[in-house]
Amino acid sequence: MTTKTTKIIYWSGAIFMSLWFGASGFFELTKNPVVWDITLQLGYPSHFIYILGVFKLAGIIVLLLPNRLLRMKEWVFAGMFFDIIFAFFSKIAVLGFASTIDTIVAFTVLSITYLLFRKIYAQKLIFEKI
């Protein structure tokens, strides 16, 4: 795979995940009934939903900055992975396996995007100052 192709796939995944988490964060902060009802049904407290929304929106800002804050981007990827994993297991426990399709898609896209991030920025991550 050429560097150009790698970058196109990476940025497509980063934009897709940013749209996914951006919409979710926006709906959490605006108390969208669909998002809030499901999240409350899964057993999460309302104050947690607001915190999740703030961190999702902050994370996508970092994720979309080209060639900057590479270590912080790794934290954003980690946060997204944790969010997806917790959503997956919460949905299985409360709503059943059929409700987890979105988390499986998100996990797949995020995994590919992260692997390409590591490939593109491998040298910069080694020499980046903390």
Protein backbone atom coordinates (compact mmCIF):
# COMPACT_ATOMS: atom_id res chain seq x y z
CA MET A 1 0.00 0.00 0.00
CA THR A 2 1.44 3.37 -0.98
CA THR A 3 1.84 6.22 1.49
CA LYS A 4 -0.82 8.22 -0.33
CA THR A 5 -3.33 5.35 -0.12
CA THR A 6 -2.48 4.82 3.55
CA LYS A 7 -3.10 8.50 4.29
CA ILE A 8 -6.38 8.54 2.37
CA ILE A 9 -7.68 5.51 4.27
CA TYR A 10 -6.42 6.94 7.59
CA TRP A 11 -8.08 10.32 7.07
CA SER A 12 -11.29 8.68 5.85
CA GLY A 13 -11.40 6.64 9.05
CA ALA A 14 -10.50 9.65 11.21
CA ILE A 15 -13.26 11.73 9.62
CA PHE A 16 -15.78 8.89 9.92
CA MET A 17 -14.97 8.38 13.62
CA SER A 18 -15.04 12.15 14.20
CA LEU A 19 -18.50 12.37 12.65
CA TRP A 20 -19.62 9.36 14.70
CA PHE A 21 -18.27 10.65 18.01
CA GLY A 22 -19.09 14.26 17.17
CA ALA A 23 -22.76 13.45 16.60
CA SER A 24 -22.82 11.31 19.72
CA GLY A 25 -21.15 14.02 21.83
CA PHE A 26 -23.49 16.68 20.47
CA PHE A 27 -26.56 14.53 21.22
CA GLU A 28 -25.27 13.84 24.73
CA LEU A 29 -24.76 17.54 25.44
CA THR A 30 -28.10 18.58 23.95
CA LYS A 31 -29.93 15.83 25.84
CA ASN A 32 -31.26 14.16 22.70
CA PRO A 33 -33.96 11.74 23.91
CA VAL A 34 -32.80 8.81 21.77
CA VAL A 35 -29.22 8.93 23.07
CA TRP A 36 -30.20 9.79 26.63
CA ASP A 37 -32.90 7.13 26.90
CA ILE A 38 -30.60 4.35 25.70
CA THR A 39 -27.69 5.51 27.87
CA LEU A 40 -29.89 5.75 30.96
CA GLN A 41 -31.42 2.36 30.11
CA LEU A 42 -27.88 0.93 30.07
CA GLY A 43 -27.50 2.13 33.66
CA TYR A 44 -25.24 5.15 33.26
CA PRO A 45 -25.98 8.24 35.42
CA SER A 46 -26.97 11.50 33.74
CA HIS A 47 -23.91 13.43 34.93
CA PHE A 48 -21.72 10.83 33.19
CA ILE A 49 -23.50 11.46 29.89
CA TYR A 50 -22.54 15.16 29.95
CA ILE A 51 -18.89 14.33 30.74
CA LEU A 52 -18.84 11.82 27.91
CA GLY A 53 -20.18 14.44 25.49
CA VAL A 54 -17.54 17.01 26.44
CA PHE A 55 -14.68 14.54 26.09
CA LYS A 56 -15.97 13.23 22.77
CA LEU A 57 -16.09 16.71 21.26
CA ALA A 58 -12.67 17.63 22.66
CA GLY A 59 -11.26 14.36 21.34
CA ILE A 60 -12.41 14.90 17.78
CA ILE A 61 -10.79 18.34 17.73
CA VAL A 62 -7.47 16.73 18.64
CA LEU A 63 -8.01 13.87 16.20
CA LEU A 64 -8.60 16.22 13.26
CA LEU A 65 -5.50 18.37 13.81
CA PRO A 66 -3.03 17.24 11.13
CA ASN A 67 0.52 16.42 12.27
CA ARG A 68 -0.02 17.81 15.79
CA LEU A 69 -0.49 16.45 19.30
CA LEU A 70 0.39 12.91 18.26
CA ARG A 71 0.66 11.60 21.83
CA MET A 72 -2.67 13.21 22.67
CA LYS A 73 -4.18 11.53 19.60
CA GLU A 74 -3.13 8.19 21.07
CA TRP A 75 -5.06 9.10 24.22
CA VAL A 76 -8.06 10.00 22.06
CA PHE A 77 -7.86 6.63 20.29
CA ALA A 78 -7.66 4.91 23.70
CA GLY A 79 -10.72 6.85 24.92
CA MET A 80 -12.65 5.89 21.82
CA PHE A 81 -11.71 2.24 22.24
CA PHE A 82 -12.85 2.27 25.87
CA ASP A 83 -16.11 4.01 24.94
CA ILE A 84 -16.85 1.45 22.24
CA ILE A 85 -15.90 -1.54 24.42
CA PHE A 86 -18.05 -0.32 27.33
CA ALA A 87 -20.95 0.37 24.96
CA PHE A 88 -20.60 -3.09 23.45
CA PHE A 89 -20.70 -4.95 26.75
CA SER A 90 -23.40 -2.70 28.23
CA LYS A 91 -25.60 -3.29 25.20
CA ILE A 92 -25.07 -7.05 25.28
CA ALA A 93 -25.96 -7.17 28.99
CA VAL A 94 -29.09 -5.02 28.73
CA LEU A 95 -30.34 -4.96 25.14
CA GLY A 96 -28.92 -8.13 23.55
CA PHE A 97 -26.41 -8.87 20.81
CA ALA A 98 -28.45 -7.38 17.95
CA SER A 99 -28.00 -3.90 19.46
CA THR A 100 -24.21 -4.13 19.22
CA ILE A 101 -23.86 -3.90 15.43
CA ASP A 102 -22.94 -0.20 15.61
CA THR A 103 -20.19 -0.87 18.14
CA ILE A 104 -18.75 -3.68 16.01
CA VAL A 105 -18.60 -1.36 12.98
CA ALA A 106 -17.07 1.46 15.06
CA PHE A 107 -14.49 -0.88 16.61
CA THR A 108 -13.46 -2.19 13.18
CA VAL A 109 -13.11 1.28 11.64
CA LEU A 110 -11.28 2.62 14.69
CA SER A 111 -8.86 -0.33 14.74
CA ILE A 112 -7.92 0.14 11.09
CA THR A 113 -7.60 3.91 11.55
CA TYR A 114 -5.35 3.49 14.59
CA LEU A 115 -3.10 0.95 12.84
CA LEU A 116 -2.68 3.34 9.91
CA PHE A 117 -2.02 6.23 12.32
CA ARG A 118 0.83 4.19 13.86
CA LYS A 119 2.17 3.39 10.38
CA ILE A 120 2.07 7.01 9.15
CA TYR A 121 3.47 8.63 12.30
CA ALA A 122 5.83 5.88 13.54
CA GLN A 123 9.01 7.96 13.24
CA LYS A 124 7.46 11.15 14.60
CA LEU A 125 6.07 9.32 17.64
CA ILE A 126 9.52 7.97 18.51
CA PHE A 127 11.13 11.41 18.50
CA GLU A 128 8.22 13.52 19.75
CA LYS A 129 8.89 15.32 23.03
CA ILE A 130 6.39 14.68 25.75
